[in-house]
Every structure is written in structure tokens, then in C-alpha cells.
Amino acid sequence: QVQLVESGGGLVQAGGSLRLSCAASGRTYSRYTMAWFRQPPGKERAFVAVMSWSGGRTYYADSVKGRFTIARDNAKNTVYLQMNSLKPEDTAVYYCAATGRPFPYGREWYGVAYYDYWGQGTQVTVSS
């Protein structure tokens, strides 16, 4: 089992920045693929970014590419999402996700079903 706890959300003006953190505890965290998803009000949960356990492979949703950066510190069992140039459409509950499955050659990491563990979410609100 892996437990995930997100933090760092809040209210920010458009153009501002926030850094989300996801602290993991449990089994062999460093071997887990870690990802961020978000769920805007009234919409489905959607992929934001993913990083393989080694950090060698990262992918981003087109809507955040160039603005958001995923990073991980395996010594601290923590994954981060640095969010810059925030827009009102980035407003959502942000979730951290993890899986111990091998990093796929396909795009399975894009879907919620690929992940086994989820945090409780942290609210990010971007005002215009």
C-alpha cells in the first residue's frame, strides 16, 4: 500500500505560480510511477503530468506543456508539480496518483485506470 497526501493548493491570481507537493508513504515509493491529475468543477478527472520512477520519462498534457513541471525527490518520497503562468482554466482539484506497474510503451499512463493509489486532492483556484 502507498498513501499519498497532497499540499500546496490555494488561491492565486492569473499569471501567478504555485507548487504542489505529494508526500508518499508505504512500500518502495521510489519504484512507483507518479502522476498528477486534475478535476475542474463539473468535469471528469484529467491527466496533467507523469514521471517514471527513474525520472527519465515525463509527459504533459498539451494544455500545461511549457507552464507546469513535474519533479520528484525519491529521498524525500515526494513528487512536485510546479505551476507557472496560471490561468483561470487551471482551476481544479489536483490529485496525485501512483502505480507500481512498469512504465508502459503506450499511453496507458494517460488514463485514471492505470493508477492504483490516489491522494485526497488539493484545491487550486486561479482568479482572473
Foldseek 3Di string as FASTA:
>chain_A
DKAKAKDWADEEAAQAKIKMKIAIDDPPLLLKKKFKWWDAPPGDIWGAKIAGSVRPDMDGDPVQPPFWDWDDDVVRRMIMIIGGRDDQVVWTWMKMFIDNDHDDPDVPVGDPVRTDYMYPTDTHGYHD
